[in-house]
Amino acid sequence: MSTPNPKREIYTALARIGSALSSAARLEFLELLAQGERSVEQLATLTGTTVANTSQHLQRMRQAGLIVGRREGQYVFYRLAGDEIVTLLGALGRVGEVHDAEIERLVRLYLASKDDMEPVPARELLERARKGLVTVLDVRPPEEFAAGHVPGAVNIPIQLLEKRLGDLPKRKEVIAYCRGPYCLMSYDAVQLLRKKGLKARRLENGLPEWRAAGLPVNRD
């Protein structure tokens, strides 16, 4: 009879989580689910993946304990199992940026080239927003904003930003945010705002990381 090896069993279970993360499509699904609950069909539409493939990916992550689901009529809706998943994804990204030359190159080529200014830390933004010193701009889609946003944030989806510049105070610095550290919408927003003569910077990370840090979140 073999002797129980709890450490080996724990590592085996952790390996299942790591295996569930070993897909670019699944990482993208997790980023979207970090914004709020979505159906299989919604996720398939947003990522350009078939419903069948989307469902298979989601089942794999559900079995690993990364997401939970619920059925409503004919539809199944999924959400993250907890904010720990956001923390896990953040740690994965930081390890990649430091130790993987290809990731470091891609970040430098596509993100730093768009905006090399230091982003605003979350707690600094909270303090400045409470004092009315900045305008907080959420450039995600309206349904994501409704599911949760930084208190006092103005929601202008990125595709409407140029047409609605008049909605933003001209004399306040604008701090834009979106889905997370690799979401390009906030980078594009800052580029546009600066081009139009507004003072603008990005929030460090996005709304999921803000929530995971225990900072206040409003819902509509």
C-alpha atoms as a PDB file:
ATOM      1  CA  MET A   1       0.000   0.000   0.000  1.00  0.00           C
ATOM      2  CA  SER A   2       1.466   3.348  -1.075  1.00  0.00           C
ATOM      3  CA  THR A   3       2.088   6.070   1.469  1.00  0.00           C
ATOM      4  CA  PRO A   4      -0.116   9.167   0.957  1.00  0.00           C
ATOM      5  CA  ASN A   5       1.817  12.129  -0.401  1.00  0.00           C
ATOM      6  CA  PRO A   6      -0.347  15.225   0.177  1.00  0.00           C
ATOM      7  CA  LYS A   7       2.223  17.560  -1.374  1.00  0.00           C
ATOM      8  CA  ARG A   8       2.212  15.551  -4.591  1.00  0.00           C
ATOM      9  CA  GLU A   9      -1.602  15.537  -4.627  1.00  0.00           C
ATOM     10  CA  ILE A  10      -1.693  19.309  -4.145  1.00  0.00           C
ATOM     11  CA  TYR A  11       0.811  19.830  -6.948  1.00  0.00           C
ATOM     12  CA  THR A  12      -1.242  17.560  -9.181  1.00  0.00           C
ATOM     13  CA  ALA A  13      -4.321  19.686  -8.518  1.00  0.00           C
ATOM     14  CA  LEU A  14      -2.341  22.878  -9.146  1.00  0.00           C
ATOM     15  CA  ALA A  15      -1.100  21.400 -12.408  1.00  0.00           C
ATOM     16  CA  ARG A  16      -4.731  21.047 -13.517  1.00  0.00           C
ATOM     17  CA  ILE A  17      -5.158  24.777 -12.991  1.00  0.00           C
ATOM     18  CA  GLY A  18      -1.987  25.484 -14.929  1.00  0.00           C
ATOM     19  CA  SER A  19      -3.192  23.255 -17.752  1.00  0.00           C
ATOM     20  CA  ALA A  20      -6.510  25.103 -17.848  1.00  0.00           C
ATOM     21  CA  LEU A  21      -4.595  28.363 -18.314  1.00  0.00           C
ATOM     22  CA  SER A  22      -2.476  27.012 -21.167  1.00  0.00           C
ATOM     23  CA  SER A  23      -4.598  28.513 -23.941  1.00  0.00           C
ATOM     24  CA  ALA A  24      -4.635  32.046 -25.333  1.00  0.00           C
ATOM     25  CA  ALA A  25      -8.374  31.730 -25.952  1.00  0.00           C
ATOM     26  CA  ARG A  26      -9.059  30.748 -22.345  1.00  0.00           C
ATOM     27  CA  LEU A  27      -6.966  33.632 -21.029  1.00  0.00           C
ATOM     28  CA  GLU A  28      -9.016  35.994 -23.195  1.00  0.00           C
ATOM     29  CA  PHE A  29     -12.250  34.482 -21.861  1.00  0.00           C
ATOM     30  CA  LEU A  30     -11.022  35.050 -18.317  1.00  0.00           C
ATOM     31  CA  GLU A  31     -10.284  38.707 -19.078  1.00  0.00           C
ATOM     32  CA  LEU A  32     -13.830  39.151 -20.368  1.00  0.00           C
ATOM     33  CA  LEU A  33     -15.396  37.288 -17.445  1.00  0.00           C
ATOM     34  CA  ALA A  34     -13.419  39.515 -15.081  1.00  0.00           C
ATOM     35  CA  GLN A  35     -15.620  42.389 -16.313  1.00  0.00           C
ATOM     36  CA  GLY A  36     -18.842  40.586 -15.391  1.00  0.00           C
ATOM     37  CA  GLU A  37     -21.035  37.577 -16.042  1.00  0.00           C
ATOM     38  CA  ARG A  38     -21.515  36.521 -19.674  1.00  0.00           C
ATOM     39  CA  SER A  39     -23.241  33.753 -21.584  1.00  0.00           C
ATOM     40  CA  VAL A  40     -21.463  31.238 -23.803  1.00  0.00           C
ATOM     41  CA  GLU A  41     -22.948  32.939 -26.855  1.00  0.00           C
ATOM     42  CA  GLN A  42     -21.794  36.403 -25.760  1.00  0.00           C
ATOM     43  CA  LEU A  43     -18.243  35.175 -25.212  1.00  0.00           C
ATOM     44  CA  ALA A  44     -18.227  33.439 -28.598  1.00  0.00           C
ATOM     45  CA  THR A  45     -19.347  36.641 -30.335  1.00  0.00           C
ATOM     46  CA  LEU A  46     -16.796  38.828 -28.541  1.00  0.00           C
ATOM     47  CA  THR A  47     -13.866  36.548 -29.366  1.00  0.00           C
ATOM     48  CA  GLY A  48     -14.883  35.280 -32.800  1.00  0.00           C
ATOM     49  CA  THR A  49     -14.859  31.688 -31.523  1.00  0.00           C
ATOM     50  CA  THR A  50     -17.566  29.149 -32.330  1.00  0.00           C
ATOM     51  CA  VAL A  51     -20.126  28.449 -29.627  1.00  0.00           C
ATOM     52  CA  ALA A  52     -19.046  24.811 -29.494  1.00  0.00           C
ATOM     53  CA  ASN A  53     -15.361  25.647 -28.979  1.00  0.00           C
ATOM     54  CA  THR A  54     -16.232  28.343 -26.459  1.00  0.00           C
ATOM     55  CA  SER A  55     -18.301  25.889 -24.460  1.00  0.00           C
ATOM     56  CA  GLN A  56     -15.436  23.363 -24.432  1.00  0.00           C
ATOM     57  CA  HIS A  57     -12.970  25.978 -23.185  1.00  0.00           C
ATOM     58  CA  LEU A  58     -15.368  27.089 -20.467  1.00  0.00           C
ATOM     59  CA  GLN A  59     -15.968  23.534 -19.285  1.00  0.00           C
ATOM     60  CA  ARG A  60     -12.204  23.028 -18.985  1.00  0.00           C
ATOM     61  CA  MET A  61     -11.875  26.142 -16.823  1.00  0.00           C
ATOM     62  CA  ARG A  62     -14.927  25.221 -14.787  1.00  0.00           C
ATOM     63  CA  GLN A  63     -13.462  21.801 -13.996  1.00  0.00           C
ATOM     64  CA  ALA A  64     -10.277  23.531 -12.808  1.00  0.00           C
ATOM     65  CA  GLY A  65     -12.284  25.770 -10.468  1.00  0.00           C
ATOM     66  CA  LEU A  66     -11.464  29.007 -12.292  1.00  0.00           C
ATOM     67  CA  ILE A  67     -15.045  29.892 -13.204  1.00  0.00           C
ATOM     68  CA  VAL A  68     -18.572  29.032 -12.077  1.00  0.00           C
ATOM     69  CA  GLY A  69     -21.720  28.824 -14.160  1.00  0.00           C
ATOM     70  CA  ARG A  70     -25.458  29.005 -13.828  1.00  0.00           C
ATOM     71  CA  ARG A  71     -28.278  28.105 -16.182  1.00  0.00           C
ATOM     72  CA  GLU A  72     -31.085  30.510 -17.050  1.00  0.00           C
ATOM     73  CA  GLY A  73     -33.579  28.998 -19.453  1.00  0.00           C
ATOM     74  CA  GLN A  74     -31.703  27.832 -22.528  1.00  0.00           C
ATOM     75  CA  TYR A  75     -28.573  29.825 -21.718  1.00  0.00           C
ATOM     76  CA  VAL A  76     -25.604  29.184 -19.446  1.00  0.00           C
ATOM     77  CA  PHE A  77     -23.859  32.171 -17.866  1.00  0.00           C
ATOM     78  CA  TYR A  78     -20.341  32.140 -16.437  1.00  0.00           C
ATOM     79  CA  ARG A  79     -18.335  34.335 -14.075  1.00  0.00           C
ATOM     80  CA  LEU A  80     -14.979  34.154 -12.327  1.00  0.00           C
ATOM     81  CA  ALA A  81     -14.856  31.945  -9.252  1.00  0.00           C
ATOM     82  CA  GLY A  82     -13.305  34.833  -7.292  1.00  0.00           C
ATOM     83  CA  ASP A  83     -10.973  37.815  -7.398  1.00  0.00           C
ATOM     84  CA  GLU A  84      -8.086  35.431  -6.747  1.00  0.00           C
ATOM     85  CA  ILE A  85      -8.279  34.553 -10.445  1.00  0.00           C
ATOM     86  CA  VAL A  86      -7.532  38.180 -11.332  1.00  0.00           C
ATOM     87  CA  THR A  87      -4.558  38.117  -8.971  1.00  0.00           C
ATOM     88  CA  LEU A  88      -3.350  34.884 -10.582  1.00  0.00           C
ATOM     89  CA  LEU A  89      -3.545  36.365 -14.079  1.00  0.00           C
ATOM     90  CA  GLY A  90      -1.679  39.458 -12.905  1.00  0.00           C
ATOM     91  CA  ALA A  91       1.104  37.335 -11.433  1.00  0.00           C
ATOM     92  CA  LEU A  92       1.314  35.333 -14.659  1.00  0.00           C
ATOM     93  CA  GLY A  93       1.685  38.540 -16.654  1.00  0.00           C
ATOM     94  CA  ARG A  94       4.386  39.939 -14.374  1.00  0.00           C
ATOM     95  CA  VAL A  95       6.417  36.733 -14.553  1.00  0.00           C
ATOM     96  CA  GLY A  96       6.104  36.740 -18.330  1.00  0.00           C
ATOM     97  CA  GLU A  97       7.178  40.364 -18.707  1.00  0.00           C
ATOM     98  CA  VAL A  98      10.259  39.840 -16.534  1.00  0.00           C
ATOM     99  CA  HIS A  99      11.400  36.405 -17.661  1.00  0.00           C
ATOM    100  CA  ASP A 100      10.088  35.938 -21.210  1.00  0.00           C
ATOM    101  CA  ALA A 101      11.932  38.001 -23.809  1.00  0.00           C
ATOM    102  CA  GLU A 102       9.128  37.686 -26.360  1.00  0.00           C
ATOM    103  CA  ILE A 103       6.505  39.047 -23.970  1.00  0.00           C
ATOM    104  CA  GLU A 104       8.836  41.892 -22.961  1.00  0.00           C
ATOM    105  CA  ARG A 105       9.366  42.707 -26.649  1.00  0.00           C
ATOM    106  CA  LEU A 106       5.638  42.684 -27.410  1.00  0.00           C
ATOM    107  CA  VAL A 107       4.833  44.930 -24.436  1.00  0.00           C
ATOM    108  CA  ARG A 108       7.544  47.364 -25.488  1.00  0.00           C
ATOM    109  CA  LEU A 109       6.543  47.285 -29.177  1.00  0.00           C
ATOM    110  CA  TYR A 110       2.768  47.538 -28.882  1.00  0.00           C
ATOM    111  CA  LEU A 111       2.071  49.073 -25.484  1.00  0.00           C
ATOM    112  CA  ALA A 112       5.029  51.206 -24.419  1.00  0.00           C
ATOM    113  CA  SER A 113       5.190  52.680 -27.933  1.00  0.00           C
ATOM    114  CA  LYS A 114       1.619  53.927 -27.498  1.00  0.00           C
ATOM    115  CA  ASP A 115       2.200  55.412 -24.050  1.00  0.00           C
ATOM    116  CA  ASP A 116       5.504  55.404 -22.209  1.00  0.00           C
ATOM    117  CA  MET A 117       4.253  57.632 -19.382  1.00  0.00           C
ATOM    118  CA  GLU A 118       3.984  56.114 -15.917  1.00  0.00           C
ATOM    119  CA  PRO A 119       0.371  55.000 -15.278  1.00  0.00           C
ATOM    120  CA  VAL A 120      -1.513  56.246 -12.227  1.00  0.00           C
ATOM    121  CA  PRO A 121      -1.599  53.768  -9.303  1.00  0.00           C
ATOM    122  CA  ALA A 122      -5.090  52.769  -8.189  1.00  0.00           C
ATOM    123  CA  ARG A 123      -4.967  54.240  -4.676  1.00  0.00           C
ATOM    124  CA  GLU A 124      -3.557  57.510  -5.962  1.00  0.00           C
ATOM    125  CA  LEU A 125      -6.427  57.749  -8.445  1.00  0.00           C
ATOM    126  CA  LEU A 126      -8.973  57.045  -5.706  1.00  0.00           C
ATOM    127  CA  GLU A 127      -7.590  59.875  -3.585  1.00  0.00           C
ATOM    128  CA  ARG A 128      -7.397  62.348  -6.477  1.00  0.00           C
ATOM    129  CA  ALA A 129     -10.884  61.447  -7.698  1.00  0.00           C
ATOM    130  CA  ARG A 130     -12.349  61.968  -4.211  1.00  0.00           C
ATOM    131  CA  LYS A 131     -10.828  65.452  -4.172  1.00  0.00           C
ATOM    132  CA  GLY A 132     -12.298  66.209  -7.599  1.00  0.00           C
ATOM    133  CA  LEU A 133      -8.881  66.711  -9.163  1.00  0.00           C
ATOM    134  CA  VAL A 134      -9.333  64.354 -12.123  1.00  0.00           C
ATOM    135  CA  THR A 135     -11.969  62.975 -14.468  1.00  0.00           C
ATOM    136  CA  VAL A 136     -12.078  59.187 -14.420  1.00  0.00           C
ATOM    137  CA  LEU A 137     -12.926  57.776 -17.846  1.00  0.00           C
ATOM    138  CA  ASP A 138     -14.159  54.210 -18.384  1.00  0.00           C
ATOM    139  CA  VAL A 139     -13.851  53.314 -22.084  1.00  0.00           C
ATOM    140  CA  ARG A 140     -15.360  49.816 -21.850  1.00  0.00           C
ATOM    141  CA  PRO A 141     -18.744  48.854 -23.334  1.00  0.00           C
ATOM    142  CA  PRO A 142     -21.825  50.049 -21.373  1.00  0.00           C
ATOM    143  CA  GLU A 143     -22.756  46.572 -20.101  1.00  0.00           C
ATOM    144  CA  GLU A 144     -19.316  46.160 -18.525  1.00  0.00           C
ATOM    145  CA  PHE A 145     -19.553  49.622 -16.963  1.00  0.00           C
ATOM    146  CA  ALA A 146     -22.993  48.744 -15.526  1.00  0.00           C
ATOM    147  CA  ALA A 147     -21.610  45.540 -13.991  1.00  0.00           C
ATOM    148  CA  GLY A 148     -19.031  47.543 -12.026  1.00  0.00           C
ATOM    149  CA  HIS A 149     -16.931  50.684 -12.341  1.00  0.00           C
ATOM    150  CA  VAL A 150     -14.681  53.076 -10.452  1.00  0.00           C
ATOM    151  CA  PRO A 151     -16.848  55.450  -8.357  1.00  0.00           C
ATOM    152  CA  GLY A 152     -17.540  58.674 -10.196  1.00  0.00           C
ATOM    153  CA  ALA A 153     -16.294  57.355 -13.538  1.00  0.00           C
ATOM    154  CA  VAL A 154     -17.731  58.627 -16.812  1.00  0.00           C
ATOM    155  CA  ASN A 155     -18.507  55.907 -19.353  1.00  0.00           C
ATOM    156  CA  ILE A 156     -17.657  56.743 -22.957  1.00  0.00           C
ATOM    157  CA  PRO A 157     -16.930  53.610 -25.023  1.00  0.00           C
ATOM    158  CA  ILE A 158     -13.721  53.968 -26.982  1.00  0.00           C
ATOM    159  CA  GLN A 159     -15.461  53.959 -30.375  1.00  0.00           C
ATOM    160  CA  LEU A 160     -17.563  56.989 -29.322  1.00  0.00           C
ATOM    161  CA  LEU A 161     -14.828  58.959 -27.583  1.00  0.00           C
ATOM    162  CA  GLU A 162     -13.878  61.315 -30.404  1.00  0.00           C
ATOM    163  CA  LYS A 163     -17.519  62.319 -30.939  1.00  0.00           C
ATOM    164  CA  ARG A 164     -18.078  62.927 -27.212  1.00  0.00           C
ATOM    165  CA  LEU A 165     -14.978  64.869 -26.251  1.00  0.00           C
ATOM    166  CA  GLY A 166     -17.273  67.726 -25.299  1.00  0.00           C
ATOM    167  CA  ASP A 167     -18.566  65.631 -22.375  1.00  0.00           C
ATOM    168  CA  LEU A 168     -15.164  65.852 -20.661  1.00  0.00           C
ATOM    169  CA  PRO A 169     -14.071  68.870 -18.590  1.00  0.00           C
ATOM    170  CA  LYS A 170     -11.243  70.639 -20.419  1.00  0.00           C
ATOM    171  CA  ARG A 171      -9.242  71.738 -17.372  1.00  0.00           C
ATOM    172  CA  LYS A 172      -9.042  68.429 -15.522  1.00  0.00           C
ATOM    173  CA  GLU A 173      -6.605  65.652 -16.194  1.00  0.00           C
ATOM    174  CA  VAL A 174      -8.383  62.574 -17.563  1.00  0.00           C
ATOM    175  CA  ILE A 175      -7.434  59.149 -16.222  1.00  0.00           C
ATOM    176  CA  ALA A 176      -8.651  56.388 -18.544  1.00  0.00           C
ATOM    177  CA  TYR A 177      -9.037  52.704 -17.786  1.00  0.00           C
ATOM    178  CA  CYS A 178     -10.453  49.587 -19.406  1.00  0.00           C
ATOM    179  CA  ARG A 179     -10.314  45.803 -18.923  1.00  0.00           C
ATOM    180  CA  GLY A 180      -6.792  45.176 -17.675  1.00  0.00           C
ATOM    181  CA  PRO A 181      -3.056  45.586 -18.259  1.00  0.00           C
ATOM    182  CA  TYR A 182      -3.073  44.345 -21.868  1.00  0.00           C
ATOM    183  CA  CYS A 183      -6.310  46.018 -22.950  1.00  0.00           C
ATOM    184  CA  LEU A 184      -5.548  48.509 -25.731  1.00  0.00           C
ATOM    185  CA  MET A 185      -8.677  50.644 -25.291  1.00  0.00           C
ATOM    186  CA  SER A 186      -7.201  52.831 -22.552  1.00  0.00           C
ATOM    187  CA  TYR A 187      -3.983  53.287 -24.548  1.00  0.00           C
ATOM    188  CA  ASP A 188      -5.991  54.375 -27.594  1.00  0.00           C
ATOM    189  CA  ALA A 189      -8.095  56.711 -25.441  1.00  0.00           C
ATOM    190  CA  VAL A 190      -5.046  58.431 -23.971  1.00  0.00           C
ATOM    191  CA  GLN A 191      -3.494  58.823 -27.411  1.00  0.00           C
ATOM    192  CA  LEU A 192      -6.652  60.447 -28.755  1.00  0.00           C
ATOM    193  CA  LEU A 193      -7.125  62.737 -25.762  1.00  0.00           C
ATOM    194  CA  ARG A 194      -3.551  64.007 -25.914  1.00  0.00           C
ATOM    195  CA  LYS A 195      -3.871  64.561 -29.653  1.00  0.00           C
ATOM    196  CA  LYS A 196      -6.929  66.731 -28.939  1.00  0.00           C
ATOM    197  CA  GLY A 197      -5.024  68.796 -26.378  1.00  0.00           C
ATOM    198  CA  LEU A 198      -6.273  67.211 -23.158  1.00  0.00           C
ATOM    199  CA  LYS A 199      -4.006  66.106 -20.355  1.00  0.00           C
ATOM    200  CA  ALA A 200      -4.482  62.352 -20.021  1.00  0.00           C
ATOM    201  CA  ARG A 201      -2.944  59.279 -18.446  1.00  0.00           C
ATOM    202  CA  ARG A 202      -3.900  55.670 -17.866  1.00  0.00           C
ATOM    203  CA  LEU A 203      -4.890  53.889 -14.697  1.00  0.00           C
ATOM    204  CA  GLU A 204      -2.437  51.203 -13.730  1.00  0.00           C
ATOM    205  CA  ASN A 205      -4.184  47.950 -14.738  1.00  0.00           C
ATOM    206  CA  GLY A 206      -7.995  47.903 -15.051  1.00  0.00           C
ATOM    207  CA  LEU A 207     -11.289  47.505 -13.232  1.00  0.00           C
ATOM    208  CA  PRO A 208     -10.787  43.800 -12.275  1.00  0.00           C
ATOM    209  CA  GLU A 209      -7.464  44.595 -10.579  1.00  0.00           C
ATOM    210  CA  TRP A 210      -9.065  47.607  -8.871  1.00  0.00           C
ATOM    211  CA  ARG A 211     -11.803  45.351  -7.462  1.00  0.00           C
ATOM    212  CA  ALA A 212      -9.325  42.638  -6.460  1.00  0.00           C
ATOM    213  CA  ALA A 213      -7.367  45.236  -4.465  1.00  0.00           C
ATOM    214  CA  GLY A 214     -10.454  45.802  -2.319  1.00  0.00           C
ATOM    215  CA  LEU A 215     -11.142  49.302  -3.659  1.00  0.00           C
ATOM    216  CA  PRO A 216     -14.746  50.538  -3.916  1.00  0.00           C
ATOM    217  CA  VAL A 217     -16.777  49.618  -6.986  1.00  0.00           C
ATOM    218  CA  ASN A 218     -20.093  51.144  -8.047  1.00  0.00           C
ATOM    219  CA  ARG A 219     -22.769  49.367 -10.074  1.00  0.00           C
ATOM    220  CA  ASP A 220     -25.612  50.669 -12.188  1.00  0.00           C
END
